[in-house]
């Protein structure tokens, strides 16, 4: 028996399921983890005067994920993140 997409969505919603897209989570390898830890350990003890001359910016590469993973989950359940290289 074939069923349309809209009918299947309606059945899932009627049974307290929701459609969501899993969040992406970038994998951080051991080398990058160690590098970040060394940086933090080096700068954690700097005096407040040092930090008053620092400006942080947040730059990141934004990409559309062509491999989005759509999930149907019970209302009370959160979507697990998907790993991305």
PDB file of N, CA and C in Angstrom:
ATOM      1  N   UNK A   1       0.842  -1.186   0.000  1.00  0.00           N
ATOM      2  CA  UNK A   1       0.000   0.000   0.000  1.00  0.00           C
ATOM      3  C   UNK A   1       0.882   1.242   0.000  1.00  0.00           C
ATOM      4  N   UNK A   2       0.668   2.121  -0.942  1.00  0.00           N
ATOM      5  CA  UNK A   2       1.399   3.379  -1.017  1.00  0.00           C
ATOM      6  C   UNK A   2       0.648   4.443  -0.223  1.00  0.00           C
ATOM      7  N   UNK A   3       1.410   5.341   0.372  1.00  0.00           N
ATOM      8  CA  UNK A   3       0.816   6.429   1.131  1.00  0.00           C
ATOM      9  C   UNK A   3       1.572   7.704   0.766  1.00  0.00           C
ATOM     10  N   UNK A   4       0.867   8.798   0.662  1.00  0.00           N
ATOM     11  CA  UNK A   4       1.510  10.048   0.276  1.00  0.00           C
ATOM     12  C   UNK A   4       2.342  10.601   1.426  1.00  0.00           C
ATOM     13  N   UNK A   5       3.264  11.463   1.070  1.00  0.00           N
ATOM     14  CA  UNK A   5       4.116  12.108   2.079  1.00  0.00           C
ATOM     15  C   UNK A   5       3.270  12.915   3.058  1.00  0.00           C
ATOM     16  N   UNK A   6       2.311  13.683   2.543  1.00  0.00           N
ATOM     17  CA  UNK A   6       1.491  14.517   3.436  1.00  0.00           C
ATOM     18  C   UNK A   6       0.646  13.652   4.366  1.00  0.00           C
ATOM     19  N   UNK A   7       0.152  12.514   3.892  1.00  0.00           N
ATOM     20  CA  UNK A   7      -0.624  11.620   4.762  1.00  0.00           C
ATOM     21  C   UNK A   7       0.258  11.022   5.847  1.00  0.00           C
ATOM     22  N   UNK A   8       1.467  10.608   5.476  1.00  0.00           N
ATOM     23  CA  UNK A   8       2.366  10.026   6.483  1.00  0.00           C
ATOM     24  C   UNK A   8       2.771  11.073   7.514  1.00  0.00           C
ATOM     25  N   UNK A   9       3.025  12.322   7.079  1.00  0.00           N
ATOM     26  CA  UNK A   9       3.338  13.395   8.033  1.00  0.00           C
ATOM     27  C   UNK A   9       2.177  13.605   8.996  1.00  0.00           C
ATOM     28  N   UNK A  10       0.955  13.615   8.458  1.00  0.00           N
ATOM     29  CA  UNK A  10      -0.222  13.812   9.306  1.00  0.00           C
ATOM     30  C   UNK A  10      -0.370  12.706  10.336  1.00  0.00           C
ATOM     31  N   UNK A  11      -0.137  11.463   9.934  1.00  0.00           N
ATOM     32  CA  UNK A  11      -0.237  10.333  10.866  1.00  0.00           C
ATOM     33  C   UNK A  11       0.807  10.473  11.970  1.00  0.00           C
ATOM     34  N   UNK A  12       2.038  10.813  11.595  1.00  0.00           N
ATOM     35  CA  UNK A  12       3.091  10.978  12.602  1.00  0.00           C
ATOM     36  C   UNK A  12       2.744  12.107  13.572  1.00  0.00           C
ATOM     37  N   UNK A  13       2.280  13.242  13.055  1.00  0.00           N
ATOM     38  CA  UNK A  13       1.911  14.364  13.927  1.00  0.00           C
ATOM     39  C   UNK A  13       0.747  14.007  14.843  1.00  0.00           C
ATOM     40  N   UNK A  14      -0.223  13.277  14.330  1.00  0.00           N
ATOM     41  CA  UNK A  14      -1.363  12.846  15.142  1.00  0.00           C
ATOM     42  C   UNK A  14      -0.934  11.935  16.292  1.00  0.00           C
ATOM     43  N   UNK A  15       0.226  11.293  16.138  1.00  0.00           N
ATOM     44  CA  UNK A  15       0.742  10.390  17.166  1.00  0.00           C
ATOM     45  C   UNK A  15       1.866  11.025  17.971  1.00  0.00           C
ATOM     46  N   UNK A  16       1.848  12.358  18.031  1.00  0.00           N
ATOM     47  CA  UNK A  16       2.775  13.149  18.853  1.00  0.00           C
ATOM     48  C   UNK A  16       4.242  13.018  18.438  1.00  0.00           C
ATOM     49  N   UNK A  17       4.483  12.907  17.146  1.00  0.00           N
ATOM     50  CA  UNK A  17       5.838  12.971  16.629  1.00  0.00           C
ATOM     51  C   UNK A  17       6.025  14.326  15.971  1.00  0.00           C
ATOM     52  N   UNK A  18       7.269  14.780  15.949  1.00  0.00           N
ATOM     53  CA  UNK A  18       7.561  16.056  15.310  1.00  0.00           C
ATOM     54  C   UNK A  18       8.725  15.864  14.351  1.00  0.00           C
ATOM     55  N   UNK A  19       8.753  16.676  13.332  1.00  0.00           N
ATOM     56  CA  UNK A  19       9.824  16.630  12.343  1.00  0.00           C
ATOM     57  C   UNK A  19      10.888  17.644  12.740  1.00  0.00           C
ATOM     58  N   UNK A  20      12.130  17.231  12.733  1.00  0.00           N
ATOM     59  CA  UNK A  20      13.226  18.130  13.082  1.00  0.00           C
ATOM     60  C   UNK A  20      14.451  17.750  12.269  1.00  0.00           C
ATOM     61  N   UNK A  21      15.375  18.674  12.158  1.00  0.00           N
ATOM     62  CA  UNK A  21      16.633  18.409  11.470  1.00  0.00           C
ATOM     63  C   UNK A  21      17.722  18.331  12.532  1.00  0.00           C
ATOM     64  N   UNK A  22      18.508  17.270  12.480  1.00  0.00           N
ATOM     65  CA  UNK A  22      19.569  17.077  13.463  1.00  0.00           C
ATOM     66  C   UNK A  22      20.609  18.189  13.343  1.00  0.00           C
ATOM     67  N   UNK A  23      21.045  18.720  14.473  1.00  0.00           N
ATOM     68  CA  UNK A  23      22.076  19.749  14.490  1.00  0.00           C
ATOM     69  C   UNK A  23      23.419  19.141  14.114  1.00  0.00           C
ATOM     70  N   UNK A  24      24.239  19.936  13.448  1.00  0.00           N
ATOM     71  CA  UNK A  24      25.567  19.470  13.078  1.00  0.00           C
ATOM     72  C   UNK A  24      26.537  19.698  14.224  1.00  0.00           C
ATOM     73  N   UNK A  25      27.416  18.773  14.404  1.00  0.00           N
ATOM     74  CA  UNK A  25      28.446  18.882  15.429  1.00  0.00           C
ATOM     75  C   UNK A  25      29.774  18.555  14.767  1.00  0.00           C
ATOM     76  N   UNK A  26      30.680  19.511  14.779  1.00  0.00           N
ATOM     77  CA  UNK A  26      31.991  19.277  14.181  1.00  0.00           C
ATOM     78  C   UNK A  26      32.851  18.463  15.127  1.00  0.00           C
ATOM     79  N   UNK A  27      33.533  17.517  14.554  1.00  0.00           N
ATOM     80  CA  UNK A  27      34.434  16.684  15.342  1.00  0.00           C
ATOM     81  C   UNK A  27      35.753  17.420  15.545  1.00  0.00           C
ATOM     82  N   UNK A  28      36.233  17.422  16.765  1.00  0.00           N
ATOM     83  CA  UNK A  28      37.525  18.036  17.077  1.00  0.00           C
ATOM     84  C   UNK A  28      38.484  16.912  17.430  1.00  0.00           C
ATOM     85  N   UNK A  29      39.516  16.754  16.606  1.00  0.00           N
ATOM     86  CA  UNK A  29      40.437  15.642  16.839  1.00  0.00           C
ATOM     87  C   UNK A  29      41.334  15.922  18.043  1.00  0.00           C
ATOM     88  N   UNK A  30      42.066  14.920  18.467  1.00  0.00           N
ATOM     89  CA  UNK A  30      42.897  15.025  19.675  1.00  0.00           C
ATOM     90  C   UNK A  30      43.960  16.107  19.550  1.00  0.00           C
ATOM     91  N   UNK A  31      44.539  16.288  18.374  1.00  0.00           N
ATOM     92  CA  UNK A  31      45.556  17.324  18.180  1.00  0.00           C
ATOM     93  C   UNK A  31      44.965  18.707  18.428  1.00  0.00           C
ATOM     94  N   UNK A  32      43.783  18.980  17.842  1.00  0.00           N
ATOM     95  CA  UNK A  32      43.141  20.280  18.032  1.00  0.00           C
ATOM     96  C   UNK A  32      42.736  20.487  19.489  1.00  0.00           C
ATOM     97  N   UNK A  33      42.269  19.422  20.139  1.00  0.00           N
ATOM     98  CA  UNK A  33      41.922  19.530  21.557  1.00  0.00           C
ATOM     99  C   UNK A  33      43.145  19.915  22.380  1.00  0.00           C
ATOM    100  N   UNK A  34      44.268  19.253  22.121  1.00  0.00           N
ATOM    101  CA  UNK A  34      45.504  19.537  22.860  1.00  0.00           C
ATOM    102  C   UNK A  34      45.990  20.948  22.592  1.00  0.00           C
ATOM    103  N   UNK A  35      45.889  21.400  21.346  1.00  0.00           N
ATOM    104  CA  UNK A  35      46.311  22.762  20.995  1.00  0.00           C
ATOM    105  C   UNK A  35      45.474  23.798  21.723  1.00  0.00           C
ATOM    106  N   UNK A  36      44.169  23.590  21.749  1.00  0.00           N
ATOM    107  CA  UNK A  36      43.283  24.528  22.454  1.00  0.00           C
ATOM    108  C   UNK A  36      43.558  24.540  23.956  1.00  0.00           C
ATOM    109  N   UNK A  37      43.818  23.366  24.524  1.00  0.00           N
ATOM    110  CA  UNK A  37      44.109  23.286  25.951  1.00  0.00           C
ATOM    111  C   UNK A  37      45.408  24.014  26.287  1.00  0.00           C
ATOM    112  N   UNK A  38      46.446  23.818  25.463  1.00  0.00           N
ATOM    113  CA  UNK A  38      47.724  24.517  25.696  1.00  0.00           C
ATOM    114  C   UNK A  38      47.533  26.027  25.642  1.00  0.00           C
ATOM    115  N   UNK A  39      46.739  26.504  24.672  1.00  0.00           N
ATOM    116  CA  UNK A  39      46.491  27.936  24.557  1.00  0.00           C
ATOM    117  C   UNK A  39      45.794  28.448  25.820  1.00  0.00           C
ATOM    118  N   UNK A  40      44.781  27.736  26.273  1.00  0.00           N
ATOM    119  CA  UNK A  40      44.033  28.151  27.470  1.00  0.00           C
ATOM    120  C   UNK A  40      44.934  28.170  28.700  1.00  0.00           C
ATOM    121  N   UNK A  41      45.765  27.144  28.847  1.00  0.00           N
ATOM    122  CA  UNK A  41      46.657  27.076  30.003  1.00  0.00           C
ATOM    123  C   UNK A  41      47.692  28.198  29.979  1.00  0.00           C
ATOM    124  N   UNK A  42      48.118  28.584  28.787  1.00  0.00           N
ATOM    125  CA  UNK A  42      49.100  29.666  28.669  1.00  0.00           C
ATOM    126  C   UNK A  42      48.519  31.015  29.077  1.00  0.00           C
ATOM    127  N   UNK A  43      47.248  31.246  28.734  1.00  0.00           N
ATOM    128  CA  UNK A  43      46.663  32.571  28.937  1.00  0.00           C
ATOM    129  C   UNK A  43      45.772  32.694  30.171  1.00  0.00           C
ATOM    130  N   UNK A  44      45.495  31.619  30.862  1.00  0.00           N
ATOM    131  CA  UNK A  44      44.556  31.694  31.983  1.00  0.00           C
ATOM    132  C   UNK A  44      45.080  32.546  33.145  1.00  0.00           C
ATOM    133  N   UNK A  45      46.383  32.600  33.303  1.00  0.00           N
ATOM    134  CA  UNK A  45      46.946  33.328  34.447  1.00  0.00           C
ATOM    135  C   UNK A  45      47.350  34.766  34.105  1.00  0.00           C
ATOM    136  N   UNK A  46      47.024  35.236  32.911  1.00  0.00           N
ATOM    137  CA  UNK A  46      47.353  36.618  32.539  1.00  0.00           C
ATOM    138  C   UNK A  46      46.545  37.588  33.406  1.00  0.00           C
ATOM    139  N   UNK A  47      47.164  38.705  33.726  1.00  0.00           N
ATOM    140  CA  UNK A  47      46.529  39.721  34.574  1.00  0.00           C
ATOM    141  C   UNK A  47      45.384  40.405  33.831  1.00  0.00           C
ATOM    142  N   UNK A  48      44.457  40.985  34.584  1.00  0.00           N
ATOM    143  CA  UNK A  48      43.326  41.690  33.996  1.00  0.00           C
ATOM    144  C   UNK A  48      43.778  42.803  33.054  1.00  0.00           C
ATOM    145  N   UNK A  49      44.887  43.457  33.390  1.00  0.00           N
ATOM    146  CA  UNK A  49      45.398  44.540  32.556  1.00  0.00           C
ATOM    147  C   UNK A  49      45.744  44.030  31.149  1.00  0.00           C
ATOM    148  N   UNK A  50      46.241  42.819  31.061  1.00  0.00           N
ATOM    149  CA  UNK A  50      46.575  42.226  29.761  1.00  0.00           C
ATOM    150  C   UNK A  50      45.309  42.103  28.908  1.00  0.00           C
ATOM    151  N   UNK A  51      44.230  41.610  29.500  1.00  0.00           N
ATOM    152  CA  UNK A  51      43.009  41.351  28.760  1.00  0.00           C
ATOM    153  C   UNK A  51      42.262  42.622  28.367  1.00  0.00           C
ATOM    154  N   UNK A  52      42.547  43.733  29.023  1.00  0.00           N
ATOM    155  CA  UNK A  52      41.886  44.988  28.669  1.00  0.00           C
ATOM    156  C   UNK A  52      42.336  45.504  27.307  1.00  0.00           C
ATOM    157  N   UNK A  53      43.439  45.002  26.800  1.00  0.00           N
ATOM    158  CA  UNK A  53      43.948  45.414  25.488  1.00  0.00           C
ATOM    159  C   UNK A  53      43.635  44.410  24.389  1.00  0.00           C
ATOM    160  N   UNK A  54      42.813  43.423  24.673  1.00  0.00           N
ATOM    161  CA  UNK A  54      42.489  42.363  23.719  1.00  0.00           C
ATOM    162  C   UNK A  54      41.057  42.537  23.207  1.00  0.00           C
ATOM    163  N   UNK A  55      40.884  42.367  21.922  1.00  0.00           N
ATOM    164  CA  UNK A  55      39.551  42.381  21.316  1.00  0.00           C
ATOM    165  C   UNK A  55      39.348  41.029  20.646  1.00  0.00           C
ATOM    166  N   UNK A  56      38.289  40.347  21.019  1.00  0.00           N
ATOM    167  CA  UNK A  56      37.970  39.061  20.407  1.00  0.00           C
ATOM    168  C   UNK A  56      36.932  39.277  19.308  1.00  0.00           C
ATOM    169  N   UNK A  57      37.101  38.585  18.215  1.00  0.00           N
ATOM    170  CA  UNK A  57      36.094  38.584  17.161  1.00  0.00           C
ATOM    171  C   UNK A  57      35.699  37.142  16.903  1.00  0.00           C
ATOM    172  N   UNK A  58      34.517  36.968  16.386  1.00  0.00           N
ATOM    173  CA  UNK A  58      34.034  35.624  16.094  1.00  0.00           C
ATOM    174  C   UNK A  58      33.786  35.531  14.596  1.00  0.00           C
ATOM    175  N   UNK A  59      34.667  34.829  13.912  1.00  0.00           N
ATOM    176  CA  UNK A  59      34.500  34.624  12.481  1.00  0.00           C
ATOM    177  C   UNK A  59      34.352  33.139  12.235  1.00  0.00           C
ATOM    178  N   UNK A  60      33.416  32.784  11.387  1.00  0.00           N
ATOM    179  CA  UNK A  60      33.248  31.381  11.052  1.00  0.00           C
ATOM    180  C   UNK A  60      32.774  31.250   9.611  1.00  0.00           C
ATOM    181  N   UNK A  61      33.032  30.128   9.046  1.00  0.00           N
ATOM    182  CA  UNK A  61      32.608  29.834   7.686  1.00  0.00           C
ATOM    183  C   UNK A  61      31.203  29.247   7.741  1.00  0.00           C
ATOM    184  N   UNK A  62      30.289  29.864   7.025  1.00  0.00           N
ATOM    185  CA  UNK A  62      28.919  29.373   7.002  1.00  0.00           C
ATOM    186  C   UNK A  62      28.720  28.579   5.719  1.00  0.00           C
ATOM    187  N   UNK A  63      28.254  27.355   5.868  1.00  0.00           N
ATOM    188  CA  UNK A  63      28.001  26.518   4.710  1.00  0.00           C
ATOM    189  C   UNK A  63      26.635  25.870   4.849  1.00  0.00           C
ATOM    190  N   UNK A  64      25.993  25.716   3.733  1.00  0.00           N
ATOM    191  CA  UNK A  64      24.747  24.967   3.711  1.00  0.00           C
ATOM    192  C   UNK A  64      25.083  23.492   3.741  1.00  0.00           C
ATOM    193  N   UNK A  65      24.427  22.755   4.572  1.00  0.00           N
ATOM    194  CA  UNK A  65      24.686  21.323   4.638  1.00  0.00           C
ATOM    195  C   UNK A  65      23.771  20.597   3.661  1.00  0.00           C
ATOM    196  N   UNK A  66      24.327  20.059   2.577  1.00  0.00           N
ATOM    197  CA  UNK A  66      23.471  19.365   1.624  1.00  0.00           C
ATOM    198  C   UNK A  66      23.004  17.996   2.137  1.00  0.00           C
ATOM    199  N   UNK A  67      23.549  17.552   3.251  1.00  0.00           N
ATOM    200  CA  UNK A  67      23.223  16.233   3.793  1.00  0.00           C
ATOM    201  C   UNK A  67      22.431  16.340   5.093  1.00  0.00           C
ATOM    202  N   UNK A  68      21.522  17.296   5.161  1.00  0.00           N
ATOM    203  CA  UNK A  68      20.717  17.455   6.370  1.00  0.00           C
ATOM    204  C   UNK A  68      19.967  16.165   6.656  1.00  0.00           C
ATOM    205  N   UNK A  69      19.916  15.824   7.917  1.00  0.00           N
ATOM    206  CA  UNK A  69      19.236  14.600   8.309  1.00  0.00           C
ATOM    207  C   UNK A  69      17.927  14.962   9.002  1.00  0.00           C
ATOM    208  N   UNK A  70      16.806  14.697   8.346  1.00  0.00           N
ATOM    209  CA  UNK A  70      15.498  14.964   8.938  1.00  0.00           C
ATOM    210  C   UNK A  70      15.075  13.753   9.750  1.00  0.00           C
ATOM    211  N   UNK A  71      14.603  14.007  10.955  1.00  0.00           N
ATOM    212  CA  UNK A  71      14.196  12.947  11.865  1.00  0.00           C
ATOM    213  C   UNK A  71      12.762  13.176  12.324  1.00  0.00           C
ATOM    214  N   UNK A  72      12.058  12.094  12.580  1.00  0.00           N
ATOM    215  CA  UNK A  72      10.756  12.153  13.226  1.00  0.00           C
ATOM    216  C   UNK A  72      10.935  11.564  14.616  1.00  0.00           C
ATOM    217  N   UNK A  73      10.716  12.400  15.621  1.00  0.00           N
ATOM    218  CA  UNK A  73      10.954  12.002  17.010  1.00  0.00           C
ATOM    219  C   UNK A  73       9.715  12.247  17.854  1.00  0.00           C
ATOM    220  N   UNK A  74       9.567  11.483  18.940  1.00  0.00           N
ATOM    221  CA  UNK A  74       8.497  11.807  19.892  1.00  0.00           C
ATOM    222  C   UNK A  74       8.694  13.231  20.412  1.00  0.00           C
ATOM    223  N   UNK A  75       7.607  13.909  20.730  1.00  0.00           N
ATOM    224  CA  UNK A  75       7.651  15.308  21.164  1.00  0.00           C
ATOM    225  C   UNK A  75       8.679  15.571  22.263  1.00  0.00           C
ATOM    226  N   UNK A  76       8.806  14.647  23.211  1.00  0.00           N
ATOM    227  CA  UNK A  76       9.676  14.888  24.374  1.00  0.00           C
ATOM    228  C   UNK A  76      11.141  14.567  24.114  1.00  0.00           C
ATOM    229  N   UNK A  77      11.469  14.042  22.945  1.00  0.00           N
ATOM    230  CA  UNK A  77      12.831  13.601  22.665  1.00  0.00           C
ATOM    231  C   UNK A  77      13.581  14.630  21.818  1.00  0.00           C
ATOM    232  N   UNK A  78      14.850  14.912  22.186  1.00  0.00           N
ATOM    233  CA  UNK A  78      15.688  15.843  21.429  1.00  0.00           C
ATOM    234  C   UNK A  78      16.469  15.099  20.364  1.00  0.00           C
ATOM    235  N   UNK A  79      16.734  15.773  19.269  1.00  0.00           N
ATOM    236  CA  UNK A  79      17.490  15.155  18.175  1.00  0.00           C
ATOM    237  C   UNK A  79      18.961  15.073  18.543  1.00  0.00           C
ATOM    238  N   UNK A  80      19.590  13.926  18.316  1.00  0.00           N
ATOM    239  CA  UNK A  80      21.019  13.818  18.557  1.00  0.00           C
ATOM    240  C   UNK A  80      21.781  14.565  17.461  1.00  0.00           C
ATOM    241  N   UNK A  81      22.907  15.190  17.790  1.00  0.00           N
ATOM    242  CA  UNK A  81      23.665  15.897  16.747  1.00  0.00           C
ATOM    243  C   UNK A  81      24.325  14.910  15.793  1.00  0.00           C
ATOM    244  N   UNK A  82      24.528  15.346  14.561  1.00  0.00           N
ATOM    245  CA  UNK A  82      25.237  14.515  13.589  1.00  0.00           C
ATOM    246  C   UNK A  82      26.682  14.981  13.515  1.00  0.00           C
ATOM    247  N   UNK A  83      27.596  14.070  13.339  1.00  0.00           N
ATOM    248  CA  UNK A  83      29.011  14.396  13.246  1.00  0.00           C
ATOM    249  C   UNK A  83      29.320  14.946  11.858  1.00  0.00           C
ATOM    250  N   UNK A  84      30.161  15.948  11.804  1.00  0.00           N
ATOM    251  CA  UNK A  84      30.600  16.522  10.545  1.00  0.00           C
ATOM    252  C   UNK A  84      32.105  16.685  10.597  1.00  0.00           C
ATOM    253  N   UNK A  85      32.780  16.349   9.523  1.00  0.00           N
ATOM    254  CA  UNK A  85      34.246  16.474   9.485  1.00  0.00           C
ATOM    255  C   UNK A  85      34.672  17.890   9.271  1.00  0.00           C
TER     256      UNK A  85
END
